[in-house]
């Protein structure tokens, strides 16, 4: 009888020990997993055997702080698929003469024929993603030398469409730059004219063929 009692007590002790060291309940497991979640889609979160949270960076994931293949600037489309990890496409400015207003005709030969008060219109486009600060300059040449339009009876004034002298041009955007010519040409002649956009480190150039008609 005494032996039976001892066996019974040992059985109860073993059952209790197994119960205390058994699997953690589902709610507690969920709490542990939630505690290791860093809410970063680019890490694999897990708890090690010592109960410490570990975070393993995942490859080919935008946001893992590594600029990987296919995530950087695409020179063909001028766009970056993962700007979080990679530098965006640099500013890329083009300047195109689109026409003129007033006593001016945009001719079929792409020249701008000026006979009086006119406004030359140039489209300035930034195809890149990076913004850029631009300071403009308009000048004309005849032969090898630069000339002043005042020699030919015209005064000039260049400005952006919002009437500013310089502009911060955002990526993937465009703006009009205009050159107002006041007066009437005193001589008929052809001039090669340029619009320069200076960013400090880069110089962008646009061209217009100007025909003055007295």
N, C-alpha and C. Protein backbone atom coordinates (compact mmCIF):
# COMPACT_ATOMS: atom_id res chain seq x y z
N UNK A 1 0.83 -1.21 0.00
CA UNK A 1 0.00 0.00 0.00
C UNK A 1 0.87 1.26 0.00
N UNK A 2 1.93 1.14 0.85
CA UNK A 2 2.86 2.27 0.94
C UNK A 2 3.51 2.53 -0.40
N UNK A 3 3.89 1.44 -1.09
CA UNK A 3 4.52 1.61 -2.41
C UNK A 3 3.56 2.21 -3.43
N UNK A 4 2.30 1.82 -3.35
CA UNK A 4 1.30 2.37 -4.28
C UNK A 4 1.14 3.87 -4.08
N UNK A 5 1.18 4.31 -2.83
CA UNK A 5 1.04 5.74 -2.52
C UNK A 5 2.24 6.53 -3.09
N UNK A 6 3.46 5.95 -2.93
CA UNK A 6 4.65 6.62 -3.46
C UNK A 6 4.58 6.75 -4.97
N UNK A 7 4.14 5.65 -5.63
CA UNK A 7 4.02 5.67 -7.09
C UNK A 7 3.02 6.72 -7.54
N UNK A 8 1.90 6.81 -6.80
CA UNK A 8 0.86 7.79 -7.15
C UNK A 8 1.38 9.21 -7.02
N UNK A 9 2.15 9.50 -5.96
CA UNK A 9 2.70 10.84 -5.76
C UNK A 9 3.71 11.20 -6.86
N UNK A 10 4.55 10.21 -7.22
CA UNK A 10 5.52 10.44 -8.30
C UNK A 10 4.82 10.75 -9.63
N UNK A 11 3.72 10.04 -9.88
CA UNK A 11 2.96 10.26 -11.11
C UNK A 11 2.41 11.67 -11.18
N UNK A 12 1.87 12.12 -10.04
CA UNK A 12 1.29 13.48 -9.99
C UNK A 12 2.38 14.52 -10.23
N UNK A 13 3.56 14.30 -9.64
CA UNK A 13 4.69 15.23 -9.79
C UNK A 13 5.15 15.32 -11.24
N UNK A 14 5.24 14.16 -11.89
CA UNK A 14 5.68 14.14 -13.29
C UNK A 14 4.69 14.84 -14.21
N UNK A 15 3.40 14.61 -13.96
CA UNK A 15 2.35 15.26 -14.78
C UNK A 15 2.42 16.77 -14.63
N UNK A 16 2.63 17.23 -13.37
CA UNK A 16 2.70 18.67 -13.12
C UNK A 16 3.91 19.28 -13.82
N UNK A 17 5.04 18.59 -13.77
CA UNK A 17 6.26 19.09 -14.40
C UNK A 17 6.09 19.22 -15.91
N UNK A 18 5.48 18.20 -16.53
CA UNK A 18 5.24 18.25 -17.97
C UNK A 18 4.31 19.38 -18.34
N UNK A 19 3.33 19.62 -17.49
CA UNK A 19 2.36 20.69 -17.77
C UNK A 19 3.03 22.04 -17.75
N UNK A 20 3.92 22.29 -16.76
CA UNK A 20 4.58 23.60 -16.63
C UNK A 20 5.56 23.88 -17.75
N UNK A 21 6.17 22.83 -18.33
CA UNK A 21 7.17 23.01 -19.39
C UNK A 21 6.62 22.70 -20.77
N UNK A 22 5.36 22.57 -20.90
CA UNK A 22 4.74 22.23 -22.17
C UNK A 22 4.73 23.39 -23.12
N UNK A 23 4.13 23.22 -24.30
CA UNK A 23 4.10 24.26 -25.33
C UNK A 23 3.43 25.52 -24.84
N UNK A 24 3.92 26.71 -25.30
CA UNK A 24 3.31 27.99 -24.96
C UNK A 24 1.98 28.11 -25.68
N UNK A 25 1.01 28.69 -25.02
CA UNK A 25 -0.32 28.81 -25.63
C UNK A 25 -0.25 29.67 -26.88
N UNK A 26 -1.25 29.52 -27.75
CA UNK A 26 -1.28 30.24 -29.01
C UNK A 26 -1.24 31.74 -28.84
N UNK A 27 -1.94 32.29 -27.82
CA UNK A 27 -1.96 33.73 -27.62
C UNK A 27 -0.59 34.28 -27.26
N UNK A 28 0.18 33.53 -26.48
CA UNK A 28 1.50 33.98 -26.10
C UNK A 28 2.45 33.97 -27.30
N UNK A 29 2.36 32.94 -28.17
CA UNK A 29 3.18 32.86 -29.37
C UNK A 29 2.90 34.07 -30.26
N UNK A 30 1.63 34.42 -30.40
CA UNK A 30 1.25 35.57 -31.22
C UNK A 30 1.86 36.85 -30.65
N UNK A 31 1.87 36.98 -29.29
CA UNK A 31 2.44 38.16 -28.68
C UNK A 31 3.94 38.25 -28.96
N UNK A 32 4.63 37.11 -28.92
CA UNK A 32 6.07 37.10 -29.19
C UNK A 32 6.35 37.52 -30.62
N UNK A 33 5.60 36.99 -31.58
CA UNK A 33 5.80 37.34 -32.98
C UNK A 33 5.51 38.81 -33.21
N UNK A 34 4.46 39.31 -32.58
CA UNK A 34 4.11 40.71 -32.74
C UNK A 34 5.21 41.60 -32.18
N UNK A 35 5.85 41.17 -31.09
CA UNK A 35 6.91 41.95 -30.48
C UNK A 35 8.14 42.05 -31.34
N UNK A 36 8.39 41.10 -32.23
CA UNK A 36 9.56 41.12 -33.11
C UNK A 36 9.28 41.78 -34.45
N UNK A 37 8.06 42.16 -34.71
CA UNK A 37 7.70 42.77 -36.00
C UNK A 37 8.18 44.22 -36.03
N UNK A 38 9.12 44.53 -36.93
CA UNK A 38 9.63 45.91 -37.04
C UNK A 38 8.90 46.70 -38.12
N UNK A 39 7.85 46.11 -38.68
CA UNK A 39 7.03 46.78 -39.70
C UNK A 39 7.86 47.23 -40.91
N UNK A 40 8.91 46.48 -41.20
CA UNK A 40 9.75 46.75 -42.38
C UNK A 40 9.57 45.59 -43.34
N UNK A 41 9.03 45.89 -44.52
CA UNK A 41 8.76 44.83 -45.49
C UNK A 41 10.03 44.20 -46.02
N UNK A 42 11.18 44.86 -45.81
CA UNK A 42 12.45 44.36 -46.35
C UNK A 42 13.28 43.59 -45.33
N UNK A 43 12.69 43.20 -44.20
CA UNK A 43 13.39 42.35 -43.24
C UNK A 43 12.55 41.14 -42.91
N UNK A 44 13.24 40.03 -42.68
CA UNK A 44 12.60 38.81 -42.20
C UNK A 44 12.77 38.79 -40.69
N UNK A 45 11.66 38.85 -39.93
CA UNK A 45 11.70 38.98 -38.47
C UNK A 45 11.49 37.61 -37.81
N UNK A 46 12.36 37.26 -36.86
CA UNK A 46 12.18 35.99 -36.16
C UNK A 46 12.82 36.05 -34.77
N UNK A 47 12.36 35.12 -33.90
CA UNK A 47 12.88 35.03 -32.54
C UNK A 47 13.79 33.81 -32.46
N UNK A 48 15.01 34.02 -31.91
CA UNK A 48 15.94 32.90 -31.83
C UNK A 48 15.67 32.06 -30.58
N UNK A 49 16.48 31.03 -30.37
CA UNK A 49 16.26 30.09 -29.26
C UNK A 49 16.43 30.75 -27.90
N UNK A 50 17.10 31.91 -27.86
CA UNK A 50 17.27 32.63 -26.60
C UNK A 50 16.18 33.66 -26.36
N UNK A 51 15.19 33.67 -27.26
CA UNK A 51 14.08 34.62 -27.11
C UNK A 51 14.42 36.02 -27.59
N UNK A 52 15.53 36.19 -28.35
CA UNK A 52 15.92 37.50 -28.87
C UNK A 52 15.38 37.70 -30.28
N UNK A 53 14.92 38.93 -30.57
CA UNK A 53 14.42 39.24 -31.90
C UNK A 53 15.58 39.42 -32.87
N UNK A 54 15.43 38.90 -34.06
CA UNK A 54 16.43 39.02 -35.11
C UNK A 54 15.76 39.51 -36.39
N UNK A 55 16.51 40.31 -37.14
CA UNK A 55 15.97 40.90 -38.36
C UNK A 55 16.97 40.70 -39.49
N UNK A 56 16.58 39.95 -40.49
CA UNK A 56 17.45 39.65 -41.61
C UNK A 56 17.00 40.43 -42.84
N UNK A 57 17.94 41.21 -43.41
CA UNK A 57 17.62 42.02 -44.58
C UNK A 57 17.33 41.12 -45.77
N UNK A 58 16.28 41.47 -46.52
CA UNK A 58 15.88 40.69 -47.68
C UNK A 58 16.42 41.34 -48.96
N UNK A 59 17.01 40.55 -49.86
CA UNK A 59 17.53 41.11 -51.11
C UNK A 59 16.40 41.45 -52.08
N UNK A 60 16.73 42.28 -53.08
CA UNK A 60 15.77 42.64 -54.13
C UNK A 60 14.47 43.19 -53.55
N UNK A 61 14.63 44.08 -52.58
CA UNK A 61 13.47 44.69 -51.93
C UNK A 61 13.71 46.19 -51.85
N UNK A 62 12.82 46.99 -52.41
CA UNK A 62 12.95 48.44 -52.36
C UNK A 62 12.70 48.91 -50.93
N UNK A 63 13.76 49.43 -50.32
CA UNK A 63 13.66 49.87 -48.93
C UNK A 63 14.68 49.19 -48.04
N UNK A 64 15.52 48.30 -48.63
CA UNK A 64 16.52 47.59 -47.83
C UNK A 64 17.84 48.35 -47.74
N UNK A 65 17.85 49.61 -48.17
CA UNK A 65 19.01 50.50 -48.09
C UNK A 65 20.17 50.08 -49.00
N UNK A 66 19.87 49.26 -50.00
CA UNK A 66 20.87 48.84 -50.97
C UNK A 66 20.32 49.11 -52.37
N UNK A 67 21.05 49.86 -53.18
CA UNK A 67 20.60 50.12 -54.55
C UNK A 67 20.99 48.91 -55.40
N UNK A 68 19.99 48.13 -55.77
CA UNK A 68 20.23 46.87 -56.48
C UNK A 68 19.88 47.00 -57.95
N UNK A 69 20.24 45.97 -58.71
CA UNK A 69 20.02 45.97 -60.16
C UNK A 69 18.54 46.22 -60.48
N UNK A 70 18.30 47.13 -61.41
CA UNK A 70 16.94 47.43 -61.84
C UNK A 70 16.23 48.48 -60.99
N UNK A 71 16.88 48.96 -59.92
CA UNK A 71 16.23 49.93 -59.04
C UNK A 71 16.70 51.36 -59.31
N UNK A 72 17.85 51.52 -59.97
CA UNK A 72 18.42 52.85 -60.17
C UNK A 72 17.82 53.60 -61.34
N UNK A 73 18.48 54.66 -61.75
CA UNK A 73 18.00 55.52 -62.83
C UNK A 73 18.04 54.80 -64.17
N UNK A 74 16.91 54.78 -64.84
CA UNK A 74 16.82 54.21 -66.18
C UNK A 74 17.06 55.36 -67.16
N UNK A 75 18.19 55.34 -67.87
CA UNK A 75 18.54 56.45 -68.75
C UNK A 75 17.57 56.61 -69.92
N UNK A 76 16.90 55.54 -70.30
CA UNK A 76 15.95 55.61 -71.42
C UNK A 76 14.67 56.32 -71.02
N UNK A 77 14.17 56.03 -69.82
CA UNK A 77 12.91 56.63 -69.35
C UNK A 77 13.13 57.80 -68.40
N UNK A 78 14.38 58.02 -67.99
CA UNK A 78 14.71 59.07 -67.03
C UNK A 78 13.88 58.93 -65.75
N UNK A 79 13.76 57.71 -65.25
CA UNK A 79 13.00 57.46 -64.03
C UNK A 79 13.72 56.43 -63.17
N UNK A 80 13.53 56.55 -61.86
CA UNK A 80 14.15 55.65 -60.88
C UNK A 80 13.06 54.82 -60.24
N UNK A 81 13.21 53.49 -60.27
CA UNK A 81 12.15 52.62 -59.73
C UNK A 81 12.17 52.57 -58.21
N UNK A 82 13.32 52.83 -57.57
CA UNK A 82 13.39 52.80 -56.11
C UNK A 82 14.21 53.98 -55.62
N UNK A 83 13.57 55.13 -55.44
CA UNK A 83 14.28 56.32 -54.98
C UNK A 83 14.64 56.23 -53.50
N UNK A 84 14.05 55.27 -52.76
CA UNK A 84 14.40 55.09 -51.36
C UNK A 84 15.85 54.64 -51.20
N UNK A 85 16.30 53.81 -52.13
CA UNK A 85 17.64 53.22 -52.02
C UNK A 85 18.63 53.80 -53.03
N UNK A 86 18.16 54.41 -54.09
CA UNK A 86 19.04 54.86 -55.18
C UNK A 86 18.91 56.36 -55.41
N UNK A 87 19.95 56.95 -55.97
CA UNK A 87 19.89 58.35 -56.37
C UNK A 87 18.94 58.50 -57.56
N UNK A 88 18.14 59.57 -57.55
CA UNK A 88 17.21 59.78 -58.65
C UNK A 88 17.96 60.25 -59.88
N UNK A 89 17.29 60.21 -61.02
CA UNK A 89 17.91 60.65 -62.27
C UNK A 89 18.24 62.14 -62.19
N UNK A 90 19.44 62.54 -62.60
CA UNK A 90 19.83 63.95 -62.52
C UNK A 90 19.00 64.80 -63.49
N UNK A 91 18.99 66.09 -63.22
CA UNK A 91 18.27 67.02 -64.10
C UNK A 91 18.83 66.95 -65.51
N UNK A 92 17.93 66.97 -66.48
CA UNK A 92 18.32 66.93 -67.90
C UNK A 92 17.45 67.95 -68.64
N UNK A 93 18.03 69.10 -68.94
CA UNK A 93 17.26 70.23 -69.45
C UNK A 93 17.43 70.39 -70.95
N UNK A 94 16.30 70.57 -71.64
CA UNK A 94 16.32 70.90 -73.07
C UNK A 94 15.57 72.22 -73.28
N UNK A 95 16.02 72.99 -74.26
CA UNK A 95 15.42 74.29 -74.55
C UNK A 95 15.04 74.32 -76.03
N UNK A 96 13.76 74.57 -76.31
CA UNK A 96 13.28 74.52 -77.69
C UNK A 96 12.48 75.78 -78.02
N UNK A 97 12.82 76.41 -79.13
CA UNK A 97 12.02 77.55 -79.59
C UNK A 97 10.69 77.02 -80.13
N UNK A 98 9.59 77.49 -79.55
CA UNK A 98 8.27 76.97 -79.94
C UNK A 98 7.45 77.96 -80.76
N UNK A 99 7.91 79.19 -80.89
CA UNK A 99 7.15 80.15 -81.68
C UNK A 99 7.37 81.57 -81.21
N UNK A 100 6.50 82.48 -81.65
CA UNK A 100 6.62 83.88 -81.26
C UNK A 100 5.24 84.54 -81.31
N UNK A 101 5.15 85.69 -80.66
CA UNK A 101 3.90 86.44 -80.57
C UNK A 101 4.12 87.87 -81.03
N UNK A 102 3.07 88.56 -81.44
CA UNK A 102 3.18 89.95 -81.87
C UNK A 102 3.55 90.07 -83.33
N UNK A 103 4.38 91.07 -83.67
CA UNK A 103 4.80 91.29 -85.06
C UNK A 103 5.92 90.32 -85.42
N UNK A 104 5.57 89.05 -85.41
CA UNK A 104 6.57 87.99 -85.61
C UNK A 104 5.89 86.79 -86.25
N UNK A 105 6.61 86.10 -87.10
CA UNK A 105 6.08 84.90 -87.76
C UNK A 105 7.05 83.74 -87.56
N UNK A 106 6.53 82.60 -87.11
CA UNK A 106 7.32 81.37 -87.06
C UNK A 106 7.24 80.74 -88.44
N UNK A 107 8.30 80.86 -89.21
CA UNK A 107 8.28 80.43 -90.61
C UNK A 107 8.50 78.93 -90.76
N UNK A 108 8.22 78.45 -91.97
CA UNK A 108 8.36 77.02 -92.26
C UNK A 108 9.81 76.55 -92.16
N UNK A 109 10.76 77.46 -92.38
CA UNK A 109 12.18 77.08 -92.29
C UNK A 109 12.69 77.12 -90.84
N UNK A 110 11.74 77.24 -89.88
CA UNK A 110 12.01 77.25 -88.44
C UNK A 110 12.66 78.54 -87.96
N UNK A 111 12.70 79.55 -88.83
CA UNK A 111 13.20 80.85 -88.40
C UNK A 111 12.07 81.64 -87.75
N UNK A 112 12.45 82.63 -86.94
CA UNK A 112 11.48 83.55 -86.34
C UNK A 112 11.69 84.91 -86.99
N UNK A 113 10.68 85.38 -87.77
CA UNK A 113 10.80 86.60 -88.54
C UNK A 113 10.16 87.76 -87.78
N UNK A 114 10.99 88.70 -87.38
CA UNK A 114 10.56 89.81 -86.53
C UNK A 114 10.52 91.10 -87.32
N UNK A 115 9.34 91.78 -87.28
CA UNK A 115 9.20 93.05 -87.98
C UNK A 115 8.78 94.19 -87.05
N UNK A 116 8.55 93.89 -85.77
CA UNK A 116 8.14 94.90 -84.80
C UNK A 116 8.12 94.31 -83.40
N UNK A 117 7.33 94.91 -82.51
CA UNK A 117 7.24 94.43 -81.13
C UNK A 117 6.84 92.95 -81.12
N UNK A 118 7.69 92.12 -80.53
CA UNK A 118 7.48 90.67 -80.57
C UNK A 118 7.89 90.02 -79.26
N UNK A 119 7.43 88.80 -79.08
CA UNK A 119 7.86 87.98 -77.94
C UNK A 119 8.24 86.60 -78.45
N UNK A 120 9.50 86.23 -78.25
CA UNK A 120 9.98 84.90 -78.63
C UNK A 120 9.69 83.94 -77.48
N UNK A 121 9.21 82.74 -77.81
CA UNK A 121 8.82 81.78 -76.77
C UNK A 121 9.69 80.52 -76.87
N UNK A 122 10.27 80.14 -75.73
CA UNK A 122 11.11 78.94 -75.64
C UNK A 122 10.55 78.02 -74.54
N UNK A 123 10.44 76.75 -74.85
CA UNK A 123 10.01 75.77 -73.84
C UNK A 123 11.25 75.18 -73.16
N UNK A 124 11.27 75.27 -71.84
CA UNK A 124 12.39 74.73 -71.05
C UNK A 124 11.85 73.52 -70.29
N UNK A 125 12.39 72.34 -70.60
CA UNK A 125 11.89 71.11 -69.99
C UNK A 125 12.99 70.38 -69.23
N UNK A 126 12.64 69.92 -68.03
CA UNK A 126 13.54 69.09 -67.24
C UNK A 126 13.01 67.66 -67.29
N UNK A 127 13.66 66.79 -68.08
CA UNK A 127 13.21 65.42 -68.24
C UNK A 127 13.69 64.52 -67.10
N UNK A 128 14.67 65.00 -66.32
CA UNK A 128 15.17 64.22 -65.19
C UNK A 128 14.24 64.32 -64.00
N UNK A 129 14.67 63.73 -62.88
CA UNK A 129 13.85 63.73 -61.66
C UNK A 129 14.34 64.73 -60.62
N UNK A 130 15.59 65.11 -60.71
CA UNK A 130 16.17 66.04 -59.75
C UNK A 130 15.81 67.47 -60.14
N UNK A 131 15.44 68.30 -59.17
CA UNK A 131 15.15 69.70 -59.47
C UNK A 131 16.46 70.45 -59.71
N UNK A 132 16.36 71.60 -60.39
CA UNK A 132 17.56 72.34 -60.74
C UNK A 132 17.24 73.84 -60.80
N UNK A 133 18.16 74.64 -60.30
CA UNK A 133 17.99 76.09 -60.34
C UNK A 133 18.64 76.63 -61.61
N UNK A 134 17.90 77.43 -62.37
CA UNK A 134 18.37 77.91 -63.67
C UNK A 134 18.37 79.44 -63.74
N UNK A 135 19.47 79.96 -64.26
CA UNK A 135 19.58 81.39 -64.54
C UNK A 135 19.76 81.57 -66.05
N UNK A 136 18.86 82.31 -66.71
CA UNK A 136 18.90 82.40 -68.19
C UNK A 136 19.74 83.56 -68.73
N UNK A 137 20.09 83.41 -69.98
CA UNK A 137 20.74 84.48 -70.73
C UNK A 137 20.38 84.31 -72.20
N UNK A 138 20.05 85.44 -72.85
CA UNK A 138 19.72 85.43 -74.28
C UNK A 138 20.77 86.27 -75.00
N UNK A 139 21.31 85.73 -76.08
CA UNK A 139 22.29 86.49 -76.86
C UNK A 139 22.22 86.09 -78.33
N UNK A 140 22.67 86.98 -79.18
CA UNK A 140 22.67 86.72 -80.62
C UNK A 140 24.05 87.00 -81.21
N UNK A 141 24.36 86.28 -82.27
CA UNK A 141 25.64 86.46 -82.94
C UNK A 141 25.41 86.68 -84.44
N UNK A 142 26.37 87.37 -85.05
CA UNK A 142 26.39 87.53 -86.50
C UNK A 142 27.82 87.27 -86.95
N UNK A 143 27.97 86.22 -87.72
CA UNK A 143 29.32 85.81 -88.06
C UNK A 143 29.99 85.20 -86.84
N UNK A 144 31.15 85.72 -86.47
CA UNK A 144 31.89 85.14 -85.35
C UNK A 144 31.70 85.91 -84.06
N UNK A 145 31.01 87.05 -84.11
CA UNK A 145 30.93 87.89 -82.91
C UNK A 145 29.53 88.08 -82.38
N UNK A 146 29.44 88.35 -81.08
CA UNK A 146 28.15 88.63 -80.44
C UNK A 146 27.73 90.06 -80.76
N UNK A 147 26.42 90.24 -80.97
CA UNK A 147 25.91 91.57 -81.30
C UNK A 147 24.82 91.96 -80.31
N UNK A 148 24.61 93.26 -80.17
CA UNK A 148 23.53 93.80 -79.36
C UNK A 148 22.36 94.13 -80.27
N UNK A 149 21.16 93.67 -79.89
CA UNK A 149 19.98 93.95 -80.71
C UNK A 149 19.68 95.44 -80.77
N UNK A 150 20.20 96.20 -79.81
CA UNK A 150 19.99 97.65 -79.82
C UNK A 150 20.66 98.29 -81.04
N UNK A 151 21.68 97.62 -81.59
CA UNK A 151 22.31 98.12 -82.81
C UNK A 151 21.30 98.18 -83.95
N UNK A 152 20.29 97.33 -83.88
CA UNK A 152 19.34 97.19 -84.99
C UNK A 152 17.94 97.68 -84.62
N UNK A 153 17.87 98.54 -83.61
CA UNK A 153 16.61 99.20 -83.27
C UNK A 153 15.71 98.44 -82.31
N UNK A 154 16.23 97.39 -81.66
CA UNK A 154 15.41 96.59 -80.76
C UNK A 154 15.99 96.57 -79.34
N UNK A 155 15.12 96.60 -78.36
CA UNK A 155 15.54 96.35 -76.98
C UNK A 155 14.97 95.00 -76.56
N UNK A 156 15.64 94.33 -75.65
CA UNK A 156 15.23 92.97 -75.27
C UNK A 156 15.07 92.82 -73.77
N UNK A 157 14.19 91.91 -73.38
CA UNK A 157 13.98 91.60 -71.96
C UNK A 157 13.54 90.15 -71.84
N UNK A 158 14.34 89.35 -71.14
CA UNK A 158 14.01 87.94 -70.99
C UNK A 158 13.42 87.65 -69.62
N UNK A 159 12.46 86.73 -69.56
CA UNK A 159 11.80 86.38 -68.29
C UNK A 159 11.09 85.04 -68.43
N UNK A 160 10.90 84.36 -67.30
CA UNK A 160 10.08 83.16 -67.28
C UNK A 160 8.62 83.56 -67.24
N UNK A 161 7.73 82.60 -67.53
CA UNK A 161 6.31 82.94 -67.68
C UNK A 161 5.68 83.47 -66.40
N UNK A 162 6.33 83.22 -65.23
CA UNK A 162 5.80 83.81 -64.00
C UNK A 162 6.49 85.13 -63.67
N UNK A 163 7.18 85.69 -64.68
CA UNK A 163 7.84 87.00 -64.61
C UNK A 163 9.08 87.01 -63.73
N UNK A 164 9.64 85.86 -63.39
CA UNK A 164 10.86 85.81 -62.59
C UNK A 164 12.09 85.75 -63.49
N UNK A 165 13.24 86.15 -62.92
CA UNK A 165 14.49 86.16 -63.68
C UNK A 165 15.22 84.83 -63.61
N UNK A 166 14.92 84.01 -62.59
CA UNK A 166 15.48 82.67 -62.47
C UNK A 166 14.43 81.75 -61.88
N UNK A 167 14.69 80.45 -61.94
CA UNK A 167 13.65 79.51 -61.54
C UNK A 167 14.25 78.23 -60.98
N UNK A 168 13.52 77.60 -60.05
CA UNK A 168 13.86 76.26 -59.57
C UNK A 168 12.92 75.31 -60.31
N UNK A 169 13.47 74.61 -61.30
CA UNK A 169 12.65 73.75 -62.15
C UNK A 169 12.62 72.33 -61.59
N UNK A 170 11.43 71.89 -61.21
CA UNK A 170 11.28 70.56 -60.63
C UNK A 170 11.52 69.48 -61.68
N UNK A 171 11.77 68.26 -61.20
CA UNK A 171 11.92 67.15 -62.12
C UNK A 171 10.62 66.85 -62.85
N UNK A 172 10.73 66.34 -64.07
CA UNK A 172 9.56 65.99 -64.88
C UNK A 172 8.60 67.17 -65.05
N UNK A 173 9.15 68.34 -65.33
CA UNK A 173 8.28 69.51 -65.51
C UNK A 173 8.85 70.41 -66.60
N UNK A 174 8.04 71.36 -67.02
CA UNK A 174 8.46 72.30 -68.07
C UNK A 174 7.89 73.68 -67.79
N UNK A 175 8.52 74.69 -68.39
CA UNK A 175 8.09 76.07 -68.20
C UNK A 175 8.48 76.85 -69.46
N UNK A 176 7.80 77.94 -69.72
CA UNK A 176 8.13 78.78 -70.87
C UNK A 176 9.06 79.91 -70.45
N UNK A 177 10.07 80.14 -71.28
CA UNK A 177 10.94 81.31 -71.12
C UNK A 177 10.68 82.21 -72.32
N UNK A 178 10.47 83.51 -72.06
CA UNK A 178 10.11 84.43 -73.13
C UNK A 178 11.12 85.57 -73.23
N UNK A 179 11.33 86.01 -74.46
CA UNK A 179 12.19 87.16 -74.72
C UNK A 179 11.36 88.21 -75.44
N UNK A 180 11.14 89.32 -74.76
CA UNK A 180 10.35 90.41 -75.34
C UNK A 180 11.27 91.34 -76.13
N UNK A 181 10.91 91.57 -77.40
CA UNK A 181 11.66 92.48 -78.27
C UNK A 181 10.78 93.70 -78.55
N UNK A 182 11.28 94.86 -78.22
CA UNK A 182 10.51 96.10 -78.39
C UNK A 182 11.21 97.01 -79.40
N UNK A 183 10.40 97.53 -80.36
CA UNK A 183 10.94 98.41 -81.38
C UNK A 183 10.71 97.85 -82.77
N UNK A 184 11.29 98.51 -83.72
CA UNK A 184 11.17 98.07 -85.12
C UNK A 184 12.57 97.96 -85.71
N UNK A 185 12.88 96.83 -86.33
CA UNK A 185 14.24 96.66 -86.90
C UNK A 185 14.57 97.78 -87.90
N UNK A 186 15.79 98.29 -87.80
CA UNK A 186 16.23 99.33 -88.75
C UNK A 186 17.02 98.73 -89.91
N UNK A 187 17.26 97.41 -89.84
CA UNK A 187 18.02 96.71 -90.87
C UNK A 187 17.46 95.31 -91.04
N UNK A 188 17.44 94.82 -92.27
CA UNK A 188 17.03 93.43 -92.50
C UNK A 188 18.28 92.56 -92.52
N UNK A 189 18.31 91.59 -91.63
CA UNK A 189 19.47 90.68 -91.57
C UNK A 189 19.11 89.44 -90.76
N UNK A 190 19.99 88.43 -90.84
CA UNK A 190 19.79 87.17 -90.12
C UNK A 190 20.74 87.08 -88.93
N UNK A 191 20.23 86.56 -87.83
CA UNK A 191 21.02 86.41 -86.62
C UNK A 191 20.86 85.00 -86.05
N UNK A 192 21.94 84.46 -85.54
CA UNK A 192 21.88 83.21 -84.79
C UNK A 192 21.78 83.56 -83.31
N UNK A 193 20.69 83.13 -82.67
CA UNK A 193 20.47 83.49 -81.27
C UNK A 193 20.42 82.25 -80.39
N UNK A 194 20.86 82.43 -79.15
CA UNK A 194 20.91 81.33 -78.21
C UNK A 194 20.28 81.71 -76.88
N UNK A 195 19.63 80.72 -76.25
CA UNK A 195 19.18 80.85 -74.87
C UNK A 195 20.04 79.91 -74.04
N UNK A 196 20.73 80.48 -73.05
CA UNK A 196 21.55 79.69 -72.14
C UNK A 196 20.83 79.56 -70.80
N UNK A 197 20.85 78.37 -70.24
CA UNK A 197 20.34 78.14 -68.89
C UNK A 197 21.50 77.63 -68.04
N UNK A 198 21.91 78.46 -67.09
CA UNK A 198 23.09 78.16 -66.27
C UNK A 198 22.64 77.69 -64.88
N UNK A 199 23.12 76.51 -64.48
CA UNK A 199 22.78 75.98 -63.15
C UNK A 199 23.93 76.15 -62.16
N UNK A 200 25.04 76.72 -62.63
CA UNK A 200 26.21 76.84 -61.78
C UNK A 200 27.25 75.78 -62.12
N UNK A 201 26.79 74.52 -62.23
CA UNK A 201 27.71 73.43 -62.57
C UNK A 201 27.48 72.93 -64.00
N UNK A 202 26.33 73.27 -64.58
CA UNK A 202 26.01 72.84 -65.94
C UNK A 202 25.46 74.01 -66.74
N UNK A 203 25.67 73.95 -68.06
CA UNK A 203 25.14 74.97 -68.95
C UNK A 203 24.34 74.29 -70.05
N UNK A 204 23.07 74.68 -70.18
CA UNK A 204 22.18 74.10 -71.19
C UNK A 204 21.91 75.15 -72.26
N UNK A 205 21.77 74.69 -73.50
CA UNK A 205 21.71 75.62 -74.63
C UNK A 205 20.51 75.34 -75.53
N UNK A 206 19.82 76.42 -75.91
CA UNK A 206 18.76 76.35 -76.91
C UNK A 206 19.07 77.32 -78.04
N UNK A 207 18.53 77.05 -79.24
CA UNK A 207 18.90 77.82 -80.42
C UNK A 207 17.66 78.38 -81.12
N UNK A 208 17.82 79.58 -81.69
CA UNK A 208 16.77 80.16 -82.54
C UNK A 208 17.43 80.93 -83.68
N UNK A 209 16.85 80.80 -84.87
CA UNK A 209 17.34 81.50 -86.05
C UNK A 209 16.43 82.71 -86.25
N UNK A 210 16.98 83.91 -86.03
CA UNK A 210 16.18 85.13 -86.04
C UNK A 210 16.41 85.91 -87.34
N UNK A 211 15.29 86.29 -87.98
CA UNK A 211 15.35 87.11 -89.18
C UNK A 211 14.69 88.47 -88.88
N UNK A 212 15.49 89.51 -88.92
CA UNK A 212 14.94 90.85 -88.72
C UNK A 212 14.52 91.41 -90.08
N UNK A 213 13.28 91.94 -90.10
CA UNK A 213 12.74 92.49 -91.37
C UNK A 213 12.38 93.95 -91.17
N UNK A 214 13.16 94.83 -91.79
CA UNK A 214 12.96 96.28 -91.65
C UNK A 214 11.77 96.74 -92.48
